[in-house]
Amino acid sequence: MAQRLKTDWTLFATTLAMAFFGLVMIYSASVSTVDPASRSPLPFAGKQFAIMAGGIVLLMVLKRVDYTVFRQPLWAFGPLGLVMVALVAVYFLDPKTHRWIRVPGIQIQPAEFAKPALALFLAWFVTRRMSAINSRYTIGPAAAVLALLALLVLLGDLGTMLLLLMMAAAVFYVAGISRKYFIAACVGIVMLAVGGIAAKPYRLLRVMPYIDPTGEMVASSPMLMKLKQRAEASLATRDSKYQQRQAVIAVGSGGPLGLGLMQGRQKMAYLPAAHTDFIYAVVGEELGLWGSVSVLAGYMIILWRGLRLFWVAHDDFGRYLALAIVVCLVGQALINVSVVLDLGPTKGFPLPLISYGGSGLLSCLMSMGLVLSVSERCG
């Protein structure tokens, strides 16, 4: 007898609603970033719509595929291996930022696809080694794979590296990893983060105001002062908090109800990256408190439905696949919102499902297709 599938309409509708909402906000936010002669934001919205259409097709395909077919070494190592090869290639193809593979008409960011690939690997690996999660034969191989992936991603994107390691830490913590190994992993993540910050002067300048708000610690240390001067000399603009100040002004000026869709002012030459990393500021200015809270509510629904799957899924692979994906997606959303509200240093994180960017949107929709596949068979 064929298995009866049951769609989680709450999760499905929330995912699609947020993607379409993102399309509307990209149209509004990109007004100031297009050719002044045309003043049409359609090129950005049109590209995003085309990518979203393809992403929804992938979501529907993955939603209908039985997720247990991915519980194989081929799917655990295959996608992750392809991502690693792409990350090595992007180092040479994009020697300046080490982020993009550019082909005529499109740009591909391999680090975005590391998220669903790592989720598949973690779910397979933890399920396979559940009975010996604290064995050195578990910790050693997992640490080797994660370290290699982290170093490859770190070359171009510190934030994504931290997000991937956060996802892995969450999965292993829930799986019952020993406290000593967990603490050692956290120390290793901190060391990688410090090394990544020190390697790029602009990252250092972004972090300094949060570590030393008054500047007294830097002023009293010749070494830190020298590092700061080096960082400032490397930037075209030395005001590392300019974007966040403009974002906070935008959110604050929206008030409870907002200025109205398309009526935002900060996106007009004041707020850089308004349609990408700082689109949440446009939401706050144009739709006000109710719009900002609605976006957060959407992510909380995704988190709720994903964590619910962790409890009701029929097997460990489905549990950990859903857990890894929702931790990654919602964690990225909360970090983005924190940056926009000036609660943390600037980082190039798009707002999942909403910000402009094809690789990020495809990665999110593919990931949600996997979660919905688990839901259809376990919900």
Protein backbone atom coordinates (compact mmCIF):
# COMPACT_ATOMS: atom_id res chain seq x y z
CA MET A 1 0.00 0.00 0.00
CA ALA A 2 1.41 3.40 -1.00
CA GLN A 3 2.42 5.72 1.79
CA ARG A 4 -0.04 8.54 2.35
CA LEU A 5 1.69 11.91 2.28
CA LYS A 6 0.59 14.78 4.46
CA THR A 7 1.85 18.26 3.63
CA ASP A 8 2.62 20.65 6.47
CA TRP A 9 0.61 23.49 4.98
CA THR A 10 1.67 25.89 7.73
CA LEU A 11 5.34 25.44 6.91
CA PHE A 12 4.77 25.28 3.15
CA ALA A 13 2.63 28.43 3.05
CA THR A 14 4.99 30.34 5.34
CA THR A 15 8.00 29.51 3.16
CA LEU A 16 6.31 30.61 -0.06
CA ALA A 17 4.75 33.69 1.55
CA MET A 18 8.15 34.89 2.77
CA ALA A 19 9.74 34.32 -0.65
CA PHE A 20 6.99 36.32 -2.39
CA PHE A 21 7.15 39.00 0.30
CA GLY A 22 10.88 39.22 -0.35
CA LEU A 23 10.17 39.78 -4.04
CA VAL A 24 7.91 42.75 -3.20
CA MET A 25 10.48 44.25 -0.84
CA ILE A 26 13.29 43.81 -3.37
CA TYR A 27 11.20 45.72 -5.91
CA SER A 28 10.73 48.51 -3.39
CA ALA A 29 14.26 48.54 -1.98
CA SER A 30 16.08 48.43 -5.32
CA VAL A 31 14.58 51.68 -6.61
CA SER A 32 17.74 53.61 -5.76
CA THR A 33 20.23 51.06 -7.12
CA VAL A 34 19.26 50.90 -10.79
CA ASP A 35 20.07 52.96 -13.86
CA PRO A 36 19.05 56.57 -13.13
CA ALA A 37 17.78 56.92 -16.70
CA SER A 38 15.15 54.22 -16.27
CA ARG A 39 14.58 54.35 -12.49
CA SER A 40 13.03 50.91 -12.82
CA PRO A 41 13.69 48.31 -10.13
CA LEU A 42 12.37 45.56 -12.41
CA PRO A 43 15.82 44.17 -13.36
CA PHE A 44 16.48 43.12 -9.76
CA ALA A 45 12.94 41.94 -9.07
CA GLY A 46 12.76 40.20 -12.45
CA LYS A 47 15.97 38.24 -11.84
CA GLN A 48 14.81 37.31 -8.36
CA PHE A 49 11.44 36.17 -9.71
CA ALA A 50 13.08 33.92 -12.30
CA ILE A 51 15.36 32.38 -9.67
CA MET A 52 12.47 32.02 -7.24
CA ALA A 53 10.43 30.18 -9.88
CA GLY A 54 13.27 27.73 -10.41
CA GLY A 55 13.75 27.40 -6.66
CA ILE A 56 10.07 26.61 -6.09
CA VAL A 57 10.29 23.87 -8.72
CA LEU A 58 13.28 22.39 -6.87
CA LEU A 59 11.40 22.72 -3.57
CA MET A 60 8.41 20.83 -5.00
CA VAL A 61 10.64 18.09 -6.42
CA LEU A 62 12.52 17.62 -3.14
CA LYS A 63 9.25 17.77 -1.22
CA ARG A 64 7.89 14.81 -3.17
CA VAL A 65 11.09 12.74 -3.00
CA ASP A 66 11.29 10.39 -0.02
CA TYR A 67 14.01 11.92 2.14
CA THR A 68 15.29 8.47 3.11
CA VAL A 69 16.88 8.12 -0.34
CA PHE A 70 19.40 10.73 0.85
CA ARG A 71 20.41 8.48 3.75
CA GLN A 72 23.33 7.15 1.72
CA PRO A 73 27.08 7.90 1.67
CA LEU A 74 26.70 9.17 -1.90
CA TRP A 75 24.40 11.99 -0.76
CA ALA A 76 26.39 12.62 2.41
CA PHE A 77 29.70 13.14 0.62
CA GLY A 78 28.71 13.93 -2.98
CA PRO A 79 27.12 17.41 -2.56
CA LEU A 80 29.65 18.38 0.11
CA GLY A 81 32.54 17.29 -2.12
CA LEU A 82 31.18 19.31 -5.05
CA VAL A 83 30.86 22.37 -2.83
CA MET A 84 34.46 21.98 -1.64
CA VAL A 85 35.70 21.69 -5.22
CA ALA A 86 33.73 24.83 -6.11
CA LEU A 87 35.22 26.65 -3.11
CA VAL A 88 38.72 25.77 -4.29
CA ALA A 89 37.83 26.92 -7.82
CA VAL A 90 36.35 30.20 -6.62
CA TYR A 91 39.61 31.03 -4.86
CA PHE A 92 41.29 31.28 -8.26
CA LEU A 93 38.31 32.49 -10.31
CA ASP A 94 37.58 35.34 -7.92
CA PRO A 95 41.03 36.35 -6.62
CA LYS A 96 39.77 39.52 -4.93
CA THR A 97 36.87 38.34 -2.73
CA HIS A 98 37.02 34.53 -3.17
CA ARG A 99 33.22 34.34 -3.22
CA TRP A 100 31.76 34.27 -6.73
CA ILE A 101 31.87 32.08 -9.80
CA ARG A 102 30.85 34.46 -12.55
CA VAL A 103 29.41 33.27 -15.84
CA PRO A 104 27.58 35.47 -18.37
CA GLY A 105 24.38 36.71 -16.78
CA ILE A 106 24.70 35.02 -13.38
CA GLN A 107 26.89 34.80 -10.29
CA ILE A 108 27.09 31.66 -8.17
CA GLN A 109 28.17 31.74 -4.54
CA PRO A 110 29.29 28.19 -3.62
CA ALA A 111 29.33 28.90 0.13
CA GLU A 112 25.53 29.23 0.10
CA PHE A 113 25.14 25.65 -1.12
CA ALA A 114 27.41 24.41 1.65
CA LYS A 115 24.43 24.81 4.00
CA PRO A 116 22.10 22.08 2.62
CA ALA A 117 25.14 19.95 1.72
CA LEU A 118 26.46 20.07 5.28
CA ALA A 119 22.98 19.40 6.68
CA LEU A 120 22.79 16.16 4.64
CA PHE A 121 26.28 15.14 5.80
CA LEU A 122 25.59 15.87 9.47
CA ALA A 123 22.26 14.01 9.46
CA TRP A 124 23.86 10.94 7.83
CA PHE A 125 27.02 11.00 9.97
CA VAL A 126 25.31 11.51 13.33
CA THR A 127 22.71 8.85 12.55
CA ARG A 128 25.43 6.38 11.57
CA ARG A 129 27.58 7.09 14.65
CA MET A 130 24.82 7.73 17.21
CA SER A 131 25.79 4.79 19.41
CA ALA A 132 29.42 5.95 19.56
CA ILE A 133 29.02 9.71 19.33
CA ASN A 134 31.90 10.37 21.75
CA SER A 135 34.32 7.87 20.23
CA ARG A 136 37.55 9.20 18.75
CA TYR A 137 36.54 7.40 15.56
CA THR A 138 33.52 9.72 15.45
CA ILE A 139 35.07 12.96 16.66
CA GLY A 140 38.22 12.67 14.52
CA PRO A 141 36.59 12.23 11.07
CA ALA A 142 33.88 14.80 11.84
CA ALA A 143 36.45 17.36 12.97
CA ALA A 144 38.54 16.75 9.84
CA VAL A 145 35.63 17.29 7.45
CA LEU A 146 34.35 20.35 9.32
CA ALA A 147 37.83 21.89 9.59
CA LEU A 148 38.48 21.49 5.87
CA LEU A 149 35.09 22.97 4.94
CA ALA A 150 35.52 25.81 7.45
CA LEU A 151 38.95 26.76 6.11
CA LEU A 152 37.73 26.76 2.50
CA VAL A 153 34.72 28.94 3.34
CA LEU A 154 36.81 31.21 5.59
CA LEU A 155 38.91 32.31 2.62
CA GLY A 156 36.01 34.44 1.43
CA ASP A 157 33.26 34.46 4.03
CA LEU A 158 33.86 34.46 7.78
CA GLY A 159 30.17 34.77 8.62
CA THR A 160 29.07 31.73 6.60
CA MET A 161 31.90 29.72 8.15
CA LEU A 162 30.65 30.58 11.65
CA LEU A 163 27.08 29.76 10.63
CA LEU A 164 28.07 26.33 9.30
CA LEU A 165 30.03 25.53 12.46
CA MET A 166 27.12 26.74 14.59
CA MET A 167 24.84 24.32 12.74
CA ALA A 168 27.29 21.46 13.30
CA ALA A 169 27.70 22.34 16.98
CA ALA A 170 23.91 22.36 17.48
CA VAL A 171 23.51 18.93 15.86
CA PHE A 172 26.33 17.31 17.82
CA TYR A 173 25.18 18.93 21.08
CA VAL A 174 21.66 17.55 20.68
CA ALA A 175 23.10 14.18 19.66
CA GLY A 176 24.80 13.98 23.07
CA ILE A 177 28.41 14.91 22.48
CA SER A 178 30.53 15.04 25.63
CA ARG A 179 30.91 18.41 27.31
CA LYS A 180 34.70 18.35 26.97
CA TYR A 181 34.48 17.82 23.23
CA PHE A 182 31.82 20.50 22.89
CA ILE A 183 33.90 23.04 24.82
CA ALA A 184 36.98 22.13 22.77
CA ALA A 185 34.95 22.66 19.59
CA CYS A 186 33.74 26.06 20.81
CA VAL A 187 37.32 27.08 21.60
CA GLY A 188 38.36 25.98 18.12
CA ILE A 189 35.56 28.02 16.54
CA VAL A 190 36.61 31.10 18.51
CA MET A 191 40.22 30.65 17.43
CA LEU A 192 39.18 30.35 13.78
CA ALA A 193 37.03 33.46 14.13
CA VAL A 194 39.87 35.45 15.70
CA GLY A 195 42.25 34.31 12.97
CA GLY A 196 39.73 35.21 10.28
CA ILE A 197 39.19 38.66 11.76
CA ALA A 198 42.90 39.34 12.12
CA ALA A 199 43.55 38.24 8.53
CA LYS A 200 41.23 40.87 7.06
CA PRO A 201 41.74 44.44 8.33
CA TYR A 202 38.19 45.53 7.48
CA ARG A 203 36.79 42.78 9.71
CA LEU A 204 38.90 44.04 12.58
CA LEU A 205 37.57 47.57 12.17
CA ARG A 206 33.98 46.28 12.26
CA VAL A 207 34.52 44.34 15.49
CA MET A 208 36.51 46.95 17.45
CA PRO A 209 33.57 49.25 18.34
CA TYR A 210 31.80 46.33 20.07
CA ILE A 211 34.85 45.09 21.97
CA ASP A 212 36.06 48.57 22.93
CA PRO A 213 33.16 51.07 22.62
CA THR A 214 35.04 53.98 24.23
CA GLY A 215 38.32 53.36 22.42
CA GLU A 216 40.30 53.42 25.68
CA MET A 217 41.66 49.89 25.29
CA VAL A 218 42.93 50.59 21.77
CA ALA A 219 44.42 53.96 22.78
CA SER A 220 46.35 52.36 25.65
CA SER A 221 47.85 49.58 23.52
CA PRO A 222 50.42 50.45 20.81
CA MET A 223 49.86 47.07 19.14
CA LEU A 224 46.07 47.53 18.94
CA MET A 225 46.52 51.10 17.74
CA LYS A 226 48.80 49.89 14.98
CA LEU A 227 46.25 47.25 13.99
CA LYS A 228 43.51 49.87 13.90
CA GLN A 229 45.59 52.18 11.73
CA ARG A 230 46.32 49.31 9.38
CA ALA A 231 42.62 48.49 9.17
CA GLU A 232 41.61 52.10 8.52
CA ALA A 233 44.25 52.49 5.81
CA SER A 234 42.82 49.48 3.97
CA LEU A 235 39.29 50.88 3.64
CA ALA A 236 37.86 53.24 1.08
CA THR A 237 35.55 54.50 3.80
CA ARG A 238 36.70 54.51 7.40
CA ASP A 239 33.28 54.70 8.97
CA SER A 240 32.64 51.02 9.63
CA LYS A 241 29.26 51.67 11.29
CA TYR A 242 27.78 53.92 8.60
CA GLN A 243 25.42 51.25 7.24
CA GLN A 244 24.14 50.31 10.66
CA ARG A 245 23.47 53.91 11.66
CA GLN A 246 21.47 54.44 8.48
CA ALA A 247 19.62 51.16 9.09
CA VAL A 248 18.70 52.15 12.63
CA ILE A 249 17.44 55.52 11.36
CA ALA A 250 15.32 53.70 8.78
CA VAL A 251 13.80 51.29 11.31
CA GLY A 252 13.16 54.06 13.82
CA SER A 253 11.52 56.38 11.29
CA GLY A 254 9.02 53.67 10.32
CA GLY A 255 7.18 53.84 13.63
CA PRO A 256 4.31 51.42 14.33
CA LEU A 257 2.74 51.48 10.85
CA GLY A 258 5.56 52.54 8.54
CA LEU A 259 5.82 55.20 5.86
CA GLY A 260 4.15 52.99 3.28
CA LEU A 261 5.41 50.60 0.62
CA MET A 262 7.81 52.31 -1.81
CA GLN A 263 7.84 55.41 0.40
CA GLY A 264 11.08 54.74 2.30
CA ARG A 265 13.69 57.49 2.24
CA GLN A 266 16.86 55.90 3.63
CA LYS A 267 17.22 53.61 0.62
CA MET A 268 17.58 56.72 -1.57
CA ALA A 269 21.39 57.09 -1.53
CA TYR A 270 21.73 56.79 2.27
CA LEU A 271 21.55 53.05 2.97
CA PRO A 272 23.91 50.86 0.90
CA ALA A 273 22.87 47.29 0.12
CA ALA A 274 19.25 48.15 0.83
CA HIS A 275 17.94 45.31 -1.36
CA THR A 276 20.45 42.74 -0.07
CA ASP A 277 21.91 42.54 3.45
CA PHE A 278 19.97 45.50 4.88
CA ILE A 279 16.54 44.82 3.43
CA TYR A 280 15.13 44.37 6.95
CA ALA A 281 15.75 48.10 7.51
CA VAL A 282 13.57 48.85 4.46
CA VAL A 283 10.85 46.59 5.88
CA GLY A 284 11.01 48.49 9.18
CA GLU A 285 10.85 51.91 7.52
CA GLU A 286 8.11 51.17 5.00
CA LEU A 287 5.94 48.69 6.92
CA GLY A 288 6.77 49.73 10.46
CA LEU A 289 6.71 47.64 13.59
CA TRP A 290 3.96 45.35 12.34
CA GLY A 291 5.94 44.48 9.22
CA SER A 292 9.17 43.87 11.14
CA VAL A 293 7.43 41.66 13.69
CA SER A 294 5.61 39.76 10.94
CA VAL A 295 8.93 38.85 9.32
CA LEU A 296 10.28 37.59 12.65
CA ALA A 297 7.04 35.66 13.20
CA GLY A 298 7.60 33.91 9.87
CA TYR A 299 11.00 32.67 10.99
CA MET A 300 9.58 31.58 14.34
CA ILE A 301 6.96 29.51 12.50
CA ILE A 302 9.71 27.84 10.48
CA LEU A 303 11.65 27.17 13.69
CA TRP A 304 8.54 25.80 15.43
CA ARG A 305 7.60 23.45 12.60
CA GLY A 306 11.21 22.32 12.16
CA LEU A 307 11.75 21.58 15.85
CA ARG A 308 8.41 19.79 15.93
CA LEU A 309 9.75 17.46 13.25
CA PHE A 310 12.71 16.65 15.48
CA TRP A 311 10.25 15.15 17.96
CA VAL A 312 7.83 13.40 15.58
CA ALA A 313 10.10 12.18 12.77
CA HIS A 314 10.24 8.39 12.43
CA ASP A 315 14.02 8.12 12.20
CA ASP A 316 17.16 9.89 13.38
CA PHE A 317 18.18 10.93 9.86
CA GLY A 318 14.95 12.90 9.39
CA ARG A 319 15.22 14.41 12.86
CA TYR A 320 18.74 15.72 12.43
CA LEU A 321 18.19 16.85 8.85
CA ALA A 322 15.27 19.04 9.92
CA LEU A 323 17.16 20.30 12.99
CA ALA A 324 20.28 21.26 11.02
CA ILE A 325 18.36 23.16 8.35
CA VAL A 326 16.08 25.19 10.62
CA VAL A 327 18.95 26.06 12.99
CA CYS A 328 20.97 27.33 10.04
CA LEU A 329 18.16 29.29 8.39
CA VAL A 330 16.70 30.86 11.53
CA GLY A 331 20.16 31.48 13.00
CA GLN A 332 21.15 33.38 9.86
CA ALA A 333 17.94 35.42 10.03
CA LEU A 334 18.49 36.40 13.66
CA ILE A 335 22.10 37.39 12.97
CA ASN A 336 21.01 39.54 10.03
CA VAL A 337 18.35 41.30 12.11
CA SER A 338 20.85 41.84 14.93
CA VAL A 339 23.29 43.50 12.52
CA VAL A 340 20.57 45.74 11.08
CA LEU A 341 19.56 46.83 14.59
CA ASP A 342 23.22 47.53 15.47
CA LEU A 343 23.39 44.72 18.02
CA GLY A 344 26.50 43.22 16.44
CA PRO A 345 29.26 44.00 13.93
CA THR A 346 28.42 44.33 10.25
CA LYS A 347 28.49 41.03 8.37
CA GLY A 348 27.48 40.25 4.82
CA PHE A 349 24.54 38.00 5.70
CA PRO A 350 21.45 38.14 3.49
CA LEU A 351 18.05 37.78 5.16
CA PRO A 352 16.96 34.22 4.22
CA LEU A 353 14.14 33.97 1.65
CA ILE A 354 13.84 37.77 1.49
CA SER A 355 17.11 39.45 0.48
CA TYR A 356 18.13 39.73 -3.15
CA GLY A 357 20.52 37.00 -4.21
CA GLY A 358 20.03 33.92 -6.34
CA SER A 359 22.40 31.50 -4.62
CA GLY A 360 20.99 32.29 -1.18
CA LEU A 361 17.37 31.95 -2.33
CA LEU A 362 18.00 28.67 -4.15
CA SER A 363 19.83 27.28 -1.13
CA CYS A 364 16.96 28.23 1.19
CA LEU A 365 14.23 26.81 -1.04
CA MET A 366 16.15 23.56 -1.59
CA SER A 367 16.70 23.26 2.16
CA MET A 368 13.01 23.83 2.88
CA GLY A 369 12.15 21.21 0.27
CA LEU A 370 14.17 18.70 2.29
CA VAL A 371 12.42 19.72 5.50
CA LEU A 372 9.00 19.39 3.82
CA SER A 373 10.00 15.95 2.55
CA VAL A 374 10.58 14.89 6.15
CA SER A 375 7.31 16.49 7.18
CA GLU A 376 5.26 14.76 4.46
CA ARG A 377 6.28 11.36 5.74
CA CYS A 378 6.49 12.01 9.47
CA GLY A 379 4.18 14.90 10.25
